[in-house]
Amino acid sequence: MLLSAGGLLHAQEPRRGGAITIATHSSSTADTLDPAKGALSTDYVRTHMFYNCLTALDTHLAPKMMLAEDISTDDAITWTIRLRSGVHFHNGKPLSAADVVFSLKRHNDPALGSKARAVTQQFDSVRATAPLTVVIVLKGANADLPVMLGTAHFAILAEGTTNFGTANGTGPFRCKEFSPGVRTVGVRNPDYWRPNLPYLDEVKLIGIPDESSRVNALLSGDVHWVNEVNPRSTRRIRGEPGFTVQESQSGLYTDLVIRQDMGLGRNPDFTLGMKCLIDREQMKRAAFRGYALVANDQPISPSNRYFFAGLPQRPYDPERARYHLRRAGALGMTLPVVASVAATGSVDMAMLLQQSAQKAGLNLALKRVSADGYWSNHWMKSPMGFGNVNARPTADMMFTQFFKSDAQWNESGWKNKQFDQLLVMARGEKDDAKRKQYYADMQVLVHEKCGIGIPLFIANLEAFSSRIKGASPHPLGAFMGYTCAEEVWLEN
């Protein structure tokens, strides 16, 4: 198998120059320039401004070559990566195989706290065999490796990098300013290895957690591009000349998270009862104005080739919920559920869930908390709350990062040996029909036993000035899969 470089075509002639400001929905003092620690869409945009990965993902989530000139394998276990020559870091250092080895191996240091450690534990060895050649040997076959290497966590650093007060990458922009929780400013890298890119002179990245403030900033001209647009705001934006609303179908979801290692969450009947209280159609209409697809408590979306369509849809059923909640001893109790605008749509979803719970004899006390600090202080720490999971390019990455027993982002603390075994078997299975069956079995296990409820797959809604050209939807996430800074330009 051989993957080789490809180019990009633009329908319009790009224009060089100009500056844009991007406002995202998340920003905090936890903002980072360390790709391994990135956790939010803001971090991913920042990473792609300053660094490159070995590959990049196109709009079909297929890998194309970036810092790697080609990637080859005969058995999906031993992979040979040949790097481009003539690539330099911002400080002038030439890219070498040693940089790639350092960047990939550092994820397995527990002290680092890499968000991709659950993925890189598949690496048996990573070594340089020539100045521009790296060989990766996996513990088991995984044909998805080139896709994995195209995600933001796997951006390549200069060997020995420990200071992340600024960024020294090979990316399209150099870091002019980085103030966590305030702003990030990147200026064009004049020595960028991709000819004629980027088009923009400067990109400023800021966070505006409040959606209405974010939209106001766009319409007033203070910013050029915003994400996480509430469906209620789309008519207003479209009614103003000079702005574009863009919708992308993806695997993004906001999920009800019930910790299975706390209180009532330890009882499977409680989890089942709560899942039966999810009125998906109502949530689609009321919380997302139709900009969503009904889901079925399985994290693989219908756009993924491994989506299991044969799983019977779980209905909204207050009577069945009452049965399971009674068995769990929860009827008549008042239980807190934590929500925040940080988790898209979760406040509206929690209010609808609260109404459904009343019909089944359960009182839910909605605890609405600030977006600032939600992910560090409440997510995965509250007995019952909400997560917000960006799409992953492969089923393996989704399952490995969020459902494997030892995954750092195992939201509900779910541990299932059968699931873990199926995950490893699916990676090494060359027969695609068998691999598809493994993934189907895993989706059934999540649907039936895991402590999360996935009501909907949410369409990514973003809006930008019509002066921005070259923008297009991407299934991985907003801002063209977080890579917009490198690709777009400003019209006069």
Protein backbone atom coordinates (compact mmCIF):
# COMPACT_ATOMS: atom_id res chain seq x y z
CA MET A 1 0.00 0.00 0.00
CA LEU A 2 1.41 3.43 -0.95
CA LEU A 3 0.05 6.89 -0.22
CA SER A 4 1.47 9.79 -2.20
CA ALA A 5 1.13 13.55 -2.29
CA GLY A 6 -1.81 15.39 -3.80
CA GLY A 7 -2.64 19.03 -4.46
CA LEU A 8 -5.55 21.36 -3.85
CA LEU A 9 -7.59 23.17 -6.47
CA HIS A 10 -9.46 26.39 -5.84
CA ALA A 11 -12.39 27.50 -7.95
CA GLN A 12 -11.37 31.16 -7.49
CA GLU A 13 -8.01 32.84 -7.84
CA PRO A 14 -6.74 33.42 -4.30
CA ARG A 15 -5.61 36.87 -3.17
CA ARG A 16 -2.67 37.38 -0.87
CA GLY A 17 -2.72 39.71 2.12
CA GLY A 18 -5.08 40.85 4.84
CA ALA A 19 -5.86 39.77 8.40
CA ILE A 20 -8.82 37.97 9.95
CA THR A 21 -10.05 37.42 13.48
CA ILE A 22 -11.60 34.08 14.39
CA ALA A 23 -13.80 33.86 17.49
CA THR A 24 -14.40 30.39 18.93
CA HIS A 25 -16.73 29.33 21.71
CA SER A 26 -13.99 28.20 24.07
CA SER A 27 -11.03 29.94 25.63
CA SER A 28 -9.46 29.65 29.07
CA THR A 29 -6.21 29.80 30.98
CA ALA A 30 -5.83 26.11 30.02
CA ASP A 31 -5.27 27.12 26.36
CA THR A 32 -2.14 25.40 25.10
CA LEU A 33 0.43 25.44 22.33
CA ASP A 34 1.34 21.81 23.07
CA PRO A 35 -0.46 19.72 20.43
CA ALA A 36 -0.47 16.68 22.71
CA LYS A 37 -2.55 18.52 25.30
CA GLY A 38 -5.09 20.10 22.96
CA ALA A 39 -8.64 19.36 24.07
CA LEU A 40 -10.95 21.84 22.35
CA SER A 41 -11.57 23.12 18.84
CA THR A 42 -9.70 26.34 19.73
CA ASP A 43 -6.59 24.31 20.53
CA TYR A 44 -6.89 22.42 17.24
CA VAL A 45 -7.14 25.64 15.19
CA ARG A 46 -4.13 27.01 17.04
CA THR A 47 -2.15 23.82 16.40
CA HIS A 48 -2.80 23.89 12.65
CA MET A 49 -1.74 27.54 12.48
CA PHE A 50 1.74 26.87 13.83
CA TYR A 51 2.50 23.20 13.18
CA ASN A 52 2.07 20.50 10.55
CA CYS A 53 1.21 16.84 10.85
CA LEU A 54 2.67 14.05 8.76
CA THR A 55 -0.64 13.82 6.90
CA ALA A 56 -3.80 15.92 6.57
CA LEU A 57 -7.41 14.80 6.17
CA ASP A 58 -9.46 15.75 3.14
CA THR A 59 -13.24 16.28 3.10
CA HIS A 60 -13.74 12.50 2.86
CA LEU A 61 -11.44 12.02 5.88
CA ALA A 62 -8.90 10.28 3.67
CA PRO A 63 -5.22 11.05 4.32
CA LYS A 64 -3.11 13.22 2.02
CA MET A 65 0.57 13.82 2.47
CA MET A 66 1.94 16.79 4.43
CA LEU A 67 5.33 16.51 6.17
CA ALA A 68 5.43 12.91 4.99
CA GLU A 69 6.25 12.57 1.31
CA ASP A 70 4.98 9.02 1.33
CA ILE A 71 3.86 6.35 3.79
CA SER A 72 4.03 2.66 2.90
CA THR A 73 3.34 -0.71 4.49
CA ASP A 74 2.89 -4.34 3.48
CA ASP A 75 1.08 -5.63 6.55
CA ALA A 76 -0.40 -2.56 8.35
CA ILE A 77 2.01 -3.30 11.22
CA THR A 78 5.37 -1.99 9.98
CA TRP A 79 5.09 1.45 8.38
CA THR A 80 7.85 3.35 6.60
CA ILE A 81 7.51 7.15 6.48
CA ARG A 82 9.69 9.18 4.13
CA LEU A 83 9.79 12.88 5.02
CA ARG A 84 9.95 15.88 2.73
CA SER A 85 13.31 17.53 2.33
CA GLY A 86 13.76 21.28 2.57
CA VAL A 87 11.24 21.80 5.41
CA HIS A 88 12.34 24.10 8.24
CA PHE A 89 11.00 24.99 11.67
CA HIS A 90 10.31 28.63 12.42
CA ASN A 91 13.71 28.96 14.11
CA GLY A 92 15.45 27.74 10.95
CA LYS A 93 16.16 24.17 12.08
CA PRO A 94 15.67 21.61 9.24
CA LEU A 95 13.01 18.93 9.75
CA SER A 96 14.54 15.51 10.42
CA ALA A 97 13.46 12.01 11.34
CA ALA A 98 14.62 12.67 14.91
CA ASP A 99 11.91 15.36 15.26
CA VAL A 100 9.21 12.90 14.23
CA VAL A 101 10.50 10.20 16.58
CA PHE A 102 10.54 12.68 19.47
CA SER A 103 7.05 14.02 18.66
CA LEU A 104 5.43 10.59 18.49
CA LYS A 105 7.21 8.93 21.42
CA ARG A 106 6.54 11.76 23.88
CA HIS A 107 2.81 10.87 23.96
CA ASN A 108 3.57 7.70 25.91
CA ASP A 109 5.12 9.58 28.84
CA PRO A 110 2.39 9.44 31.53
CA ALA A 111 3.69 12.68 33.07
CA LEU A 112 2.92 14.58 29.85
CA GLY A 113 -0.83 14.02 30.04
CA SER A 114 -1.21 13.57 26.29
CA LYS A 115 -4.81 13.38 25.08
CA ALA A 116 -3.65 10.87 22.45
CA ARG A 117 -1.87 8.44 24.77
CA ALA A 118 -4.61 5.82 24.40
CA VAL A 119 -3.88 5.85 20.66
CA THR A 120 -0.07 5.86 20.81
CA GLN A 121 -0.05 2.89 23.16
CA GLN A 122 -0.48 0.95 19.92
CA PHE A 123 3.12 1.86 18.99
CA ASP A 124 5.63 -0.91 19.65
CA SER A 125 8.55 1.14 18.35
CA VAL A 126 9.28 4.40 16.53
CA ARG A 127 12.78 4.84 15.17
CA ALA A 128 14.75 6.79 12.60
CA THR A 129 16.43 4.61 9.97
CA ALA A 130 17.81 7.50 7.88
CA PRO A 131 17.92 11.31 8.24
CA LEU A 132 14.48 11.62 6.60
CA THR A 133 13.04 8.13 7.20
CA VAL A 134 11.03 6.88 10.17
CA VAL A 135 9.79 3.34 10.76
CA ILE A 136 6.80 2.78 13.04
CA VAL A 137 6.06 -0.75 14.23
CA LEU A 138 2.62 -1.28 15.76
CA LYS A 139 1.72 -3.90 18.36
CA GLY A 140 -1.03 -5.06 16.02
CA ALA A 141 -2.22 -4.24 12.53
CA ASN A 142 -4.04 -0.93 12.07
CA ALA A 143 -4.74 0.26 8.55
CA ASP A 144 -5.91 3.62 9.92
CA LEU A 145 -2.45 4.83 10.99
CA PRO A 146 -2.08 7.46 8.19
CA VAL A 147 -5.47 8.89 9.20
CA MET A 148 -4.53 9.00 12.88
CA LEU A 149 -1.31 10.87 12.06
CA GLY A 150 -3.36 13.63 10.40
CA THR A 151 -5.11 14.72 13.61
CA ALA A 152 -3.96 17.75 15.59
CA HIS A 153 -2.49 15.84 18.54
CA PHE A 154 0.14 14.38 16.22
CA ALA A 155 1.60 17.68 15.01
CA ILE A 156 5.38 17.50 14.70
CA LEU A 157 7.63 19.40 17.10
CA ALA A 158 11.34 20.08 17.00
CA GLU A 159 13.29 17.44 18.91
CA GLY A 160 13.64 18.29 22.60
CA THR A 161 10.89 20.94 22.72
CA THR A 162 9.80 21.63 26.30
CA ASN A 163 8.85 25.32 26.24
CA PHE A 164 5.33 26.04 25.01
CA GLY A 165 5.17 29.72 25.86
CA THR A 166 5.46 30.18 22.12
CA ALA A 167 5.36 27.82 19.13
CA ASN A 168 8.26 26.61 17.00
CA GLY A 169 6.65 24.56 14.28
CA THR A 170 6.83 24.09 10.52
CA GLY A 171 3.34 25.54 10.00
CA PRO A 172 1.97 28.36 7.84
CA PHE A 173 2.06 30.99 10.60
CA ARG A 174 4.60 32.04 13.16
CA CYS A 175 3.47 32.78 16.70
CA LYS A 176 3.50 36.53 17.36
CA GLU A 177 1.49 36.40 20.58
CA PHE A 178 0.04 33.72 22.81
CA SER A 179 -1.97 34.82 25.86
CA PRO A 180 -3.93 31.85 27.27
CA GLY A 181 -7.56 32.78 27.75
CA VAL A 182 -7.09 36.05 25.86
CA ARG A 183 -5.82 35.70 22.29
CA THR A 184 -3.41 34.06 19.91
CA VAL A 185 -1.87 35.96 16.99
CA GLY A 186 -0.09 34.32 14.09
CA VAL A 187 1.74 36.07 11.24
CA ARG A 188 2.57 34.62 7.84
CA ASN A 189 5.57 32.30 7.77
CA PRO A 190 7.57 33.66 4.79
CA ASP A 191 9.56 30.43 4.57
CA TYR A 192 6.61 28.04 4.54
CA TRP A 193 7.36 24.90 2.56
CA ARG A 194 4.00 24.82 0.73
CA PRO A 195 4.30 27.16 -2.29
CA ASN A 196 2.18 30.35 -2.18
CA LEU A 197 0.57 29.47 1.16
CA PRO A 198 -0.75 30.89 3.38
CA TYR A 199 -2.65 33.70 1.68
CA LEU A 200 -3.36 35.75 4.81
CA ASP A 201 -0.81 38.00 6.50
CA GLU A 202 -2.22 37.54 9.99
CA VAL A 203 -4.75 35.45 11.90
CA LYS A 204 -6.00 36.38 15.35
CA LEU A 205 -7.77 33.74 17.46
CA ILE A 206 -9.94 34.76 20.42
CA GLY A 207 -12.61 33.12 22.56
CA ILE A 208 -16.12 34.47 23.08
CA PRO A 209 -18.03 31.84 25.12
CA ASP A 210 -21.44 33.54 24.90
CA GLU A 211 -23.10 32.72 21.57
CA SER A 212 -25.11 35.91 21.23
CA SER A 213 -22.00 37.99 21.94
CA ARG A 214 -20.11 35.96 19.38
CA VAL A 215 -22.76 36.56 16.70
CA ASN A 216 -22.92 40.26 17.59
CA ALA A 217 -19.16 40.50 17.18
CA LEU A 218 -19.46 38.97 13.71
CA LEU A 219 -22.30 41.21 12.56
CA SER A 220 -20.57 44.33 13.87
CA GLY A 221 -17.41 43.47 11.96
CA ASP A 222 -15.23 42.95 15.04
CA VAL A 223 -14.54 39.35 14.00
CA HIS A 224 -14.68 37.58 10.65
CA TRP A 225 -15.57 33.98 11.53
CA VAL A 226 -17.44 32.30 14.40
CA ASN A 227 -18.34 28.70 15.22
CA GLU A 228 -21.03 27.07 17.38
CA VAL A 229 -23.80 29.23 15.94
CA ASN A 230 -27.13 28.54 17.61
CA PRO A 231 -29.78 27.47 15.08
CA ARG A 232 -31.95 30.31 16.42
CA SER A 233 -29.36 32.80 15.14
CA THR A 234 -29.21 31.57 11.54
CA ARG A 235 -32.18 33.63 10.30
CA ARG A 236 -30.74 36.79 11.80
CA ILE A 237 -27.32 36.24 10.22
CA ARG A 238 -28.78 35.36 6.82
CA GLY A 239 -30.91 38.50 7.00
CA GLU A 240 -27.81 40.69 7.11
CA PRO A 241 -25.95 41.34 3.85
CA GLY A 242 -22.31 40.28 3.69
CA PHE A 243 -22.40 37.11 5.80
CA THR A 244 -22.51 33.39 5.10
CA VAL A 245 -23.90 30.57 7.27
CA GLN A 246 -22.23 27.23 6.63
CA GLU A 247 -23.61 23.85 7.72
CA SER A 248 -21.47 20.73 7.95
CA GLN A 249 -22.81 17.28 8.73
CA SER A 250 -20.47 15.46 11.06
CA GLY A 251 -20.25 13.06 13.95
CA LEU A 252 -20.37 15.89 16.52
CA TYR A 253 -22.58 15.08 19.49
CA THR A 254 -23.54 16.40 22.90
CA ASP A 255 -24.14 13.46 25.21
CA LEU A 256 -25.74 12.83 28.58
CA VAL A 257 -22.94 11.49 30.78
CA ILE A 258 -23.78 9.29 33.78
CA ARG A 259 -20.71 8.35 35.78
CA GLN A 260 -20.83 4.61 36.43
CA ASP A 261 -18.47 4.91 39.38
CA MET A 262 -20.60 7.35 41.39
CA GLY A 263 -23.90 7.02 43.28
CA LEU A 264 -26.88 5.75 41.28
CA GLY A 265 -24.74 5.54 38.15
CA ARG A 266 -23.38 2.26 39.51
CA ASN A 267 -26.82 0.72 38.92
CA PRO A 268 -27.41 -0.30 35.26
CA ASP A 269 -31.16 0.22 35.69
CA PHE A 270 -30.61 3.90 36.44
CA THR A 271 -28.62 4.38 33.23
CA LEU A 272 -31.25 2.56 31.18
CA GLY A 273 -34.01 4.57 32.77
CA MET A 274 -32.32 7.86 31.94
CA LYS A 275 -31.73 6.81 28.33
CA CYS A 276 -35.45 6.03 27.98
CA LEU A 277 -36.21 9.63 29.04
CA ILE A 278 -34.41 11.11 26.02
CA ASP A 279 -37.01 12.53 23.60
CA ARG A 280 -34.77 12.76 20.56
CA GLU A 281 -37.27 14.24 18.14
CA GLN A 282 -38.22 16.95 20.60
CA MET A 283 -34.56 17.78 21.22
CA LYS A 284 -33.94 17.96 17.47
CA ARG A 285 -36.82 20.43 17.03
CA ALA A 286 -36.54 22.51 20.18
CA ALA A 287 -32.80 22.57 20.90
CA PHE A 288 -31.39 22.47 17.36
CA ARG A 289 -34.20 23.70 15.08
CA GLY A 290 -33.79 20.61 12.92
CA TYR A 291 -30.03 21.04 12.37
CA ALA A 292 -29.28 17.53 13.63
CA LEU A 293 -29.78 13.82 12.93
CA VAL A 294 -31.49 11.53 15.44
CA ALA A 295 -28.90 9.27 17.08
CA ASN A 296 -29.24 6.03 19.00
CA ASP A 297 -26.73 6.09 21.87
CA GLN A 298 -23.99 4.88 19.54
CA PRO A 299 -21.04 7.21 18.83
CA ILE A 300 -20.49 6.27 15.18
CA SER A 301 -22.50 8.53 12.87
CA PRO A 302 -24.41 7.47 9.74
CA SER A 303 -21.77 9.16 7.56
CA ASN A 304 -19.15 6.67 8.79
CA ARG A 305 -18.77 3.48 6.77
CA TYR A 306 -18.78 1.45 9.98
CA PHE A 307 -22.08 2.84 11.27
CA PHE A 308 -24.33 -0.03 12.39
CA ALA A 309 -27.75 0.73 10.92
CA GLY A 310 -29.27 -2.50 12.25
CA LEU A 311 -29.40 -1.36 15.87
CA PRO A 312 -33.08 -0.93 16.87
CA GLN A 313 -33.87 2.69 17.68
CA ARG A 314 -34.32 3.31 21.40
CA PRO A 315 -37.69 5.06 21.79
CA TYR A 316 -38.70 7.79 24.18
CA ASP A 317 -40.62 5.76 26.79
CA PRO A 318 -41.44 7.38 30.18
CA GLU A 319 -43.21 4.22 31.41
CA ARG A 320 -40.21 2.02 30.72
CA ALA A 321 -38.02 4.70 32.30
CA ARG A 322 -40.22 4.59 35.41
CA TYR A 323 -39.77 0.81 35.59
CA HIS A 324 -35.98 0.99 35.50
CA LEU A 325 -35.79 4.02 37.80
CA ARG A 326 -37.99 2.22 40.34
CA ARG A 327 -35.68 -0.79 40.24
CA ALA A 328 -32.73 1.56 40.80
CA GLY A 329 -34.50 3.18 43.79
CA ALA A 330 -34.45 6.59 42.14
CA LEU A 331 -38.18 7.42 42.02
CA GLY A 332 -39.08 10.45 44.08
CA MET A 333 -35.47 11.55 44.40
CA THR A 334 -34.08 14.95 43.37
CA LEU A 335 -30.84 14.57 41.44
CA PRO A 336 -28.56 17.29 40.05
CA VAL A 337 -27.69 17.41 36.36
CA VAL A 338 -24.92 19.80 35.31
CA ALA A 339 -25.12 21.69 31.99
CA SER A 340 -23.30 24.59 30.38
CA VAL A 341 -23.23 26.51 27.12
CA ALA A 342 -19.73 25.04 26.80
CA ALA A 343 -21.40 21.76 25.77
CA THR A 344 -23.43 22.71 22.70
CA GLY A 345 -27.16 22.61 23.34
CA SER A 346 -26.79 20.94 26.73
CA VAL A 347 -28.78 23.56 28.66
CA ASP A 348 -31.80 23.16 26.37
CA MET A 349 -31.38 19.39 26.37
CA ALA A 350 -31.22 19.32 30.18
CA MET A 351 -34.42 21.36 30.45
CA LEU A 352 -36.24 18.96 28.12
CA LEU A 353 -34.85 15.97 30.03
CA GLN A 354 -36.06 17.59 33.25
CA GLN A 355 -39.61 17.73 31.85
CA SER A 356 -39.46 14.11 30.72
CA ALA A 357 -38.16 12.97 34.10
CA GLN A 358 -41.13 14.56 35.90
CA LYS A 359 -43.46 12.31 33.89
CA ALA A 360 -41.56 9.28 35.17
CA GLY A 361 -41.48 10.39 38.81
CA LEU A 362 -37.92 11.70 38.98
CA ASN A 363 -36.90 15.26 39.85
CA LEU A 364 -33.86 16.62 38.06
CA ALA A 365 -32.32 19.78 39.47
CA LEU A 366 -30.67 21.64 36.61
CA LYS A 367 -27.34 23.10 37.68
CA ARG A 368 -26.27 25.55 35.00
CA VAL A 369 -22.59 26.44 35.27
CA SER A 370 -20.31 28.88 33.48
CA ALA A 371 -18.53 27.90 30.29
CA ASP A 372 -15.27 29.04 31.87
CA GLY A 373 -13.74 26.04 33.57
CA TYR A 374 -16.57 23.66 32.67
CA TRP A 375 -14.30 21.09 31.03
CA SER A 376 -11.74 21.06 33.82
CA ASN A 377 -14.08 21.41 36.81
CA HIS A 378 -17.30 19.62 35.90
CA TRP A 379 -16.97 17.37 32.85
CA MET A 380 -16.36 13.75 33.88
CA LYS A 381 -16.43 14.86 37.54
CA SER A 382 -20.18 15.35 38.07
CA PRO A 383 -22.36 12.26 38.67
CA MET A 384 -24.60 13.42 35.81
CA GLY A 385 -23.83 16.07 33.21
CA PHE A 386 -23.06 16.58 29.55
CA GLY A 387 -20.11 16.14 27.22
CA ASN A 388 -19.52 17.52 23.75
CA VAL A 389 -17.48 15.28 21.48
CA ASN A 390 -16.03 16.44 18.19
CA ALA A 391 -16.03 14.00 15.30
CA ARG A 392 -13.08 11.64 14.95
CA PRO A 393 -11.86 10.55 11.54
CA THR A 394 -12.02 6.82 12.28
CA ALA A 395 -14.17 4.51 14.36
CA ASP A 396 -11.00 3.20 16.02
CA MET A 397 -9.98 6.65 17.24
CA MET A 398 -13.46 7.38 18.61
CA PHE A 399 -13.62 4.10 20.49
CA THR A 400 -9.99 4.25 21.66
CA GLN A 401 -10.15 7.81 22.99
CA PHE A 402 -13.62 7.75 24.57
CA PHE A 403 -14.70 4.17 25.33
CA LYS A 404 -11.67 1.99 25.97
CA SER A 405 -11.49 1.11 29.67
CA ASP A 406 -8.28 3.07 30.28
CA ALA A 407 -8.99 5.99 27.93
CA GLN A 408 -8.32 9.42 29.43
CA TRP A 409 -11.63 10.68 28.00
CA ASN A 410 -13.73 7.66 29.04
CA GLU A 411 -16.55 9.99 30.02
CA SER A 412 -18.69 7.68 32.14
CA GLY A 413 -15.85 5.60 33.58
CA TRP A 414 -17.23 2.58 31.69
CA LYS A 415 -15.10 -0.56 31.76
CA ASN A 416 -15.96 -3.52 29.55
CA LYS A 417 -13.42 -6.27 28.78
CA GLN A 418 -15.43 -7.58 25.83
CA PHE A 419 -15.42 -4.12 24.26
CA ASP A 420 -11.66 -3.75 24.76
CA GLN A 421 -11.04 -7.15 23.14
CA LEU A 422 -13.24 -6.32 20.15
CA LEU A 423 -11.39 -3.03 19.70
CA VAL A 424 -8.04 -4.79 19.34
CA MET A 425 -9.52 -7.47 17.07
CA ALA A 426 -11.07 -4.84 14.78
CA ARG A 427 -7.75 -3.04 14.31
CA GLY A 428 -5.98 -6.14 13.08
CA GLU A 429 -8.79 -7.53 10.93
CA LYS A 430 -7.99 -7.32 7.20
CA ASP A 431 -11.38 -8.70 6.12
CA ASP A 432 -13.52 -5.56 5.99
CA ALA A 433 -16.79 -7.46 6.48
CA LYS A 434 -15.48 -8.99 9.70
CA ARG A 435 -14.10 -5.65 10.83
CA LYS A 436 -17.50 -4.07 10.21
CA GLN A 437 -19.14 -6.76 12.37
CA TYR A 438 -16.71 -6.10 15.22
CA TYR A 439 -17.54 -2.40 15.10
CA ALA A 440 -21.26 -3.24 15.02
CA ASP A 441 -20.89 -5.40 18.14
CA MET A 442 -19.04 -2.56 19.87
CA GLN A 443 -21.81 -0.10 19.04
CA VAL A 444 -24.35 -2.49 20.54
CA LEU A 445 -22.32 -2.72 23.75
CA VAL A 446 -22.10 1.08 24.04
CA HIS A 447 -25.83 1.39 23.32
CA GLU A 448 -26.82 -1.17 25.94
CA LYS A 449 -24.26 -0.85 28.73
CA CYS A 450 -22.26 2.39 28.58
CA GLY A 451 -23.20 5.32 30.82
CA ILE A 452 -23.76 7.81 28.02
CA GLY A 453 -26.83 8.75 26.03
CA ILE A 454 -26.29 10.23 22.56
CA PRO A 455 -29.55 11.86 21.41
CA LEU A 456 -28.39 13.51 18.18
CA PHE A 457 -25.56 14.10 15.76
CA ILE A 458 -25.36 17.87 15.55
CA ALA A 459 -24.71 19.79 12.36
CA ASN A 460 -21.77 22.15 12.69
CA LEU A 461 -23.10 25.67 12.16
CA GLU A 462 -20.61 28.47 11.64
CA ALA A 463 -20.82 31.90 10.08
CA PHE A 464 -18.30 34.19 8.44
CA SER A 465 -17.88 37.36 6.47
CA SER A 466 -18.63 36.88 2.77
CA ARG A 467 -15.23 38.48 2.11
CA ILE A 468 -13.65 35.22 3.23
CA LYS A 469 -13.12 32.95 0.23
CA GLY A 470 -11.98 29.36 -0.09
CA ALA A 471 -14.06 28.18 2.87
CA SER A 472 -15.87 24.85 2.64
CA PRO A 473 -17.61 22.38 5.00
CA HIS A 474 -15.54 19.65 6.58
CA PRO A 475 -16.88 16.58 8.43
CA LEU A 476 -14.13 16.66 11.05
CA GLY A 477 -15.23 19.96 12.56
CA ALA A 478 -15.61 23.71 12.23
CA PHE A 479 -13.12 26.02 10.53
CA MET A 480 -12.58 23.53 7.68
CA GLY A 481 -11.57 20.78 10.06
CA TYR A 482 -9.56 23.38 12.07
CA THR A 483 -7.22 24.15 9.10
CA CYS A 484 -8.91 27.25 7.66
CA ALA A 485 -6.07 29.66 8.50
CA GLU A 486 -3.83 28.03 5.91
CA GLU A 487 -6.38 27.79 3.09
CA VAL A 488 -8.67 30.85 3.01
CA TRP A 489 -8.15 34.36 1.69
CA LEU A 490 -9.82 37.76 1.85
CA GLU A 491 -11.59 39.30 -1.10
CA ASN A 492 -11.10 43.05 -1.63
